[in-house]
Protein backbone atom coordinates (compact mmCIF):
# COMPACT_ATOMS: atom_id res chain seq x y z
CA MET A 1 -39.94 -22.69 0.40
CA LYS A 2 -39.69 -23.48 4.05
CA PHE A 3 -41.21 -21.15 6.52
CA SER A 4 -39.01 -19.44 8.88
CA LEU A 5 -39.85 -19.93 12.78
CA ALA A 6 -41.27 -16.73 12.96
CA LYS A 7 -43.78 -17.62 9.96
CA LYS A 8 -44.43 -21.03 11.67
CA ILE A 9 -45.29 -19.11 14.97
CA ILE A 10 -47.58 -16.65 13.18
CA VAL A 11 -49.48 -19.68 11.26
CA LEU A 12 -49.63 -21.75 14.43
CA ALA A 13 -51.24 -18.45 16.27
CA LEU A 14 -53.35 -18.16 13.85
CA ILE A 15 -54.58 -21.51 13.87
CA LEU A 16 -55.20 -21.51 17.82
CA ALA A 17 -57.24 -18.43 17.45
CA LEU A 18 -59.79 -19.66 15.22
CA PRO A 19 -63.18 -21.67 16.91
CA GLY A 20 -62.40 -25.36 16.63
CA PHE A 21 -64.45 -27.11 13.97
CA LEU A 22 -63.77 -30.40 15.50
CA TYR A 23 -64.90 -29.09 18.99
CA TYR A 24 -68.20 -27.89 17.32
CA LEU A 25 -68.62 -31.41 16.23
CA LEU A 26 -68.10 -32.78 19.93
CA THR A 27 -70.78 -30.30 21.37
CA ALA A 28 -73.42 -30.28 18.77
CA GLU A 29 -76.70 -31.23 20.22
CA GLY A 30 -74.77 -32.36 23.24
CA LYS A 31 -74.30 -35.60 21.48
CA ASN A 32 -71.35 -37.68 21.23
CA ARG A 33 -69.90 -37.40 17.66
CA TYR A 34 -66.43 -38.43 17.81
CA LYS A 35 -63.94 -41.20 18.10
CA PRO A 36 -62.51 -41.46 21.54
CA LEU A 37 -58.33 -41.07 21.57
CA PRO A 38 -56.65 -44.19 21.84
CA ILE A 39 -54.66 -45.00 24.74
CA TYR A 40 -50.62 -45.78 24.15
CA GLY A 41 -48.45 -48.43 25.69
CA PRO A 42 -48.96 -51.96 26.64
CA LYS A 43 -52.25 -53.64 27.16
CA PRO A 44 -52.08 -56.74 28.42
CA LEU A 45 -55.11 -58.76 29.54
CA SER A 46 -56.12 -58.89 33.18
CA GLY A 47 -57.90 -62.15 33.46
CA THR A 48 -61.04 -61.02 34.17
CA PHE A 49 -64.02 -60.52 31.70
CA HIS A 50 -67.03 -58.24 31.29
CA LYS A 51 -70.40 -58.83 29.22
CA VAL A 52 -71.18 -57.02 26.30
CA HIS A 53 -74.69 -58.34 24.50
CA GLY A 54 -74.26 -61.56 26.21
CA LYS A 55 -70.84 -62.09 25.30
CA SER A 56 -67.87 -62.28 27.50
CA ILE A 57 -64.89 -59.69 26.55
CA PRO A 58 -61.63 -60.04 28.12
CA ASP A 59 -60.82 -56.74 30.58
CA THR A 60 -57.52 -54.86 29.45
CA LEU A 61 -54.99 -53.18 31.64
CA TYR A 62 -54.11 -50.00 30.07
CA HIS A 63 -50.73 -48.36 30.43
CA THR A 64 -50.72 -46.23 33.35
CA VAL A 65 -47.73 -43.42 33.94
CA ALA A 66 -46.14 -44.16 37.16
CA ASP A 67 -45.94 -41.08 39.70
CA PHE A 68 -42.75 -39.00 39.97
CA ASN A 69 -41.05 -36.17 42.18
CA LEU A 70 -39.45 -33.40 40.45
CA ILE A 71 -38.89 -29.65 41.42
CA ASP A 72 -40.05 -26.77 39.90
CA ALA A 73 -38.13 -23.24 38.67
CA ASP A 74 -39.35 -21.86 42.42
CA GLY A 75 -37.62 -25.02 44.20
CA HIS A 76 -40.64 -26.44 45.24
CA SER A 77 -41.66 -30.24 45.01
CA VAL A 78 -44.05 -31.54 42.09
CA SER A 79 -45.88 -34.37 41.55
CA PHE A 80 -49.15 -35.80 40.02
CA LYS A 81 -50.33 -34.57 43.15
CA ASN A 82 -50.16 -31.24 41.43
CA PHE A 83 -52.36 -31.91 38.58
CA ASP A 84 -55.04 -33.69 40.34
CA LYS A 85 -58.12 -34.51 37.69
CA LYS A 86 -55.94 -32.52 34.92
CA ILE A 87 -55.05 -32.98 31.69
CA MET A 88 -51.08 -32.74 31.11
CA LEU A 89 -48.67 -31.94 28.10
CA VAL A 90 -45.31 -32.92 28.93
CA ASN A 91 -42.06 -32.41 26.95
CA PHE A 92 -38.37 -32.77 27.51
CA PHE A 93 -35.38 -30.64 26.82
CA TYR A 94 -32.31 -28.62 27.96
CA THR A 95 -31.11 -25.31 28.34
CA GLY A 96 -27.86 -26.17 26.58
CA CYS A 97 -29.43 -27.34 23.47
CA THR A 98 -28.82 -26.05 20.16
CA THR A 99 -30.95 -27.85 17.90
CA ASN A 100 -35.04 -28.09 18.45
CA CYS A 101 -35.40 -27.19 21.88
CA ASN A 102 -36.23 -23.47 21.75
CA GLN A 103 -38.39 -23.96 18.56
CA ILE A 104 -40.36 -26.69 20.39
CA ASN A 105 -40.78 -24.82 23.56
CA THR A 106 -42.02 -21.71 21.74
CA ASN A 107 -44.67 -23.68 20.19
CA VAL A 108 -45.42 -25.25 23.46
CA ASP A 109 -45.81 -21.25 24.58
CA SER A 110 -48.46 -20.23 21.89
CA ILE A 111 -50.36 -23.56 22.95
CA ALA A 112 -50.08 -23.04 26.93
CA VAL A 113 -51.13 -19.45 26.32
CA HIS A 114 -54.21 -20.33 24.56
CA TYR A 115 -55.27 -22.64 27.40
CA ALA A 116 -53.95 -20.33 30.06
CA LYS A 117 -57.77 -19.74 31.31
CA ASN A 118 -58.86 -23.55 30.69
CA LYS A 119 -58.42 -24.91 34.39
CA MET A 120 -58.51 -28.65 33.27
CA VAL A 121 -55.08 -28.52 30.77
CA LYS A 122 -51.78 -27.90 32.42
CA PHE A 123 -48.17 -27.82 30.54
CA VAL A 124 -45.11 -29.47 32.11
CA THR A 125 -41.27 -29.00 30.35
CA ILE A 126 -38.85 -31.37 31.87
CA THR A 127 -34.91 -31.02 31.60
CA VAL A 128 -32.79 -33.71 30.51
CA ASP A 129 -29.74 -31.93 31.91
CA PRO A 130 -30.45 -31.42 35.71
CA ASN A 131 -27.09 -31.32 36.97
CA LYS A 132 -26.91 -27.95 35.08
CA ASP A 133 -30.30 -27.05 34.90
CA THR A 134 -30.95 -26.09 38.30
CA PRO A 135 -34.27 -24.05 39.55
CA ALA A 136 -32.18 -20.62 39.02
CA VAL A 137 -31.31 -21.49 35.42
CA LEU A 138 -34.74 -22.83 34.30
CA LYS A 139 -36.14 -19.55 35.85
CA ALA A 140 -33.86 -17.38 33.83
CA TYR A 141 -34.98 -19.60 30.74
CA THR A 142 -38.67 -19.10 31.08
CA ALA A 143 -38.12 -15.52 30.80
CA LYS A 144 -38.22 -15.51 27.17
CA PHE A 145 -41.64 -17.09 26.87
CA LYS A 146 -44.72 -15.85 27.92
CA SER A 147 -45.04 -18.48 30.73
CA ALA A 148 -48.79 -18.67 30.96
CA PRO A 149 -49.59 -19.90 34.47
CA ASN A 150 -50.58 -23.22 33.36
CA TRP A 151 -46.72 -24.46 32.00
CA GLN A 152 -44.27 -25.27 34.54
CA PHE A 153 -40.65 -26.45 33.77
CA LEU A 154 -39.05 -29.11 36.09
CA THR A 155 -35.67 -30.56 37.28
CA GLY A 156 -34.87 -33.02 39.59
CA ASP A 157 -32.01 -36.13 39.68
CA THR A 158 -31.07 -38.02 36.40
CA THR A 159 -32.79 -41.36 37.91
CA ASN A 160 -35.91 -39.75 38.23
CA ILE A 161 -36.68 -38.05 35.33
CA TYR A 162 -35.08 -40.51 32.78
CA ASN A 163 -37.11 -43.15 34.21
CA PHE A 164 -40.48 -41.04 34.20
CA ALA A 165 -39.44 -40.60 30.38
CA ARG A 166 -38.77 -44.16 29.45
CA LYS A 167 -40.52 -46.00 31.77
CA GLY A 168 -43.65 -43.88 32.21
CA LEU A 169 -44.02 -41.97 28.91
CA LEU A 170 -42.38 -44.49 26.52
CA VAL A 171 -40.17 -41.94 24.82
CA ASP A 172 -35.99 -41.34 24.77
CA ALA A 173 -34.15 -39.51 27.61
CA MET A 174 -30.61 -40.17 28.41
CA GLN A 175 -27.14 -38.59 28.42
CA ARG A 176 -24.99 -39.71 25.60
CA GLY A 177 -21.97 -37.98 26.88
CA LYS A 178 -20.86 -34.39 28.01
CA GLY A 179 -23.02 -31.91 27.23
CA ASP A 180 -24.69 -34.57 24.67
CA PHE A 181 -28.10 -35.70 25.19
CA ILE A 182 -30.83 -37.86 23.43
CA TYR A 183 -34.18 -36.87 24.27
CA SER A 184 -37.87 -37.32 22.34
CA ASP A 185 -38.99 -33.97 20.40
CA LYS A 186 -42.65 -35.27 21.42
CA ILE A 187 -45.59 -33.39 23.39
CA ILE A 188 -47.17 -36.25 24.95
CA LEU A 189 -50.86 -35.77 25.96
CA LEU A 190 -52.01 -37.29 29.15
CA ASP A 191 -55.82 -37.83 30.42
CA SER A 192 -56.45 -37.44 33.92
CA GLU A 193 -56.12 -40.88 34.84
CA HIS A 194 -52.37 -40.79 33.76
CA HIS A 195 -52.81 -42.72 30.74
CA ILE A 196 -51.10 -41.53 27.54
CA ARG A 197 -53.19 -40.27 24.82
CA GLY A 198 -51.29 -38.93 22.30
CA TYR A 199 -47.69 -38.15 20.85
CA TYR A 200 -46.98 -34.93 18.84
CA SER A 201 -43.67 -33.72 17.17
CA GLY A 202 -43.11 -30.11 18.83
CA ILE A 203 -41.77 -29.13 15.04
CA LEU A 204 -44.13 -30.28 12.80
CA ILE A 205 -47.21 -27.75 12.53
CA ASP A 206 -49.34 -30.55 11.23
CA ASP A 207 -48.88 -32.27 14.29
CA LEU A 208 -49.59 -29.02 16.34
CA ILE A 209 -52.80 -28.40 14.76
CA ARG A 210 -53.84 -32.34 15.64
CA LEU A 211 -52.66 -31.59 19.39
CA ASN A 212 -54.84 -28.58 19.28
CA ASP A 213 -57.72 -30.19 18.12
CA GLU A 214 -57.11 -33.14 20.20
CA ILE A 215 -56.95 -31.60 23.27
CA LYS A 216 -60.48 -30.37 22.76
CA VAL A 217 -61.43 -34.09 22.22
CA MET A 218 -59.54 -34.70 25.64
CA ILE A 219 -61.46 -31.75 27.43
CA ALA A 220 -64.95 -33.17 25.88
CA GLU A 221 -63.87 -36.50 27.69
CA GLU A 222 -63.07 -35.23 30.70
CA LEU A 223 -66.12 -33.14 31.17
CA ARG A 224 -68.39 -36.43 30.12
CA ARG A 225 -66.68 -38.64 32.35
CA ASN A 226 -67.25 -36.35 35.38
CA ASP A 227 -70.67 -35.40 34.23
CA LYS A 228 -69.86 -31.66 33.90
CA PRO A 229 -71.51 -29.38 31.52
CA LEU A 230 -69.76 -28.67 28.70
CA TYR A 231 -70.42 -25.22 28.35
């Protein structure tokens, strides 16, 4: 029997409320006990090399998401400058959606609230219908959620949004017809250097559980990168 949306939300909330076993593995005795998350996207060779145990290893140029310029629900300009040294979770939607958008954003809301006090983690939801979804429309839409301080809804122009989705985040985003949009149901995890570190379905409980665990992996990686204590 399939879970109702309400039951799925309850299950997700209970999972998020539990201490993460994976996080314990990450911090046990201060040792690195986890496998770093992959970096997604094209990986061309740079033409340079580095030495490992006397062997020349070719250097890789990892895909980096280019900057964007969008507008939040209060009409303020938003770009990567607003997320300096932050972990970002990005997903797409539009307010006129009658399929999975509300369920995905409800799930994002549950996770965003869980990380509301963590200044390292930020959530961003971007409309694929900016002509309709003005800042005022987004402001009204967010009223249905708990809207944790670390979750922003963004709009802008279609060129900027669609390029950011397709060329930057490597997911679908386009208008197929009047009131008909193609968008990815994925939540995309970005590290502080704007590399893509994970894709997660916004409607599958297993993916959301994995996302919660891998946010913790990403937090540990960022803390180690910046030589900050884990506690």
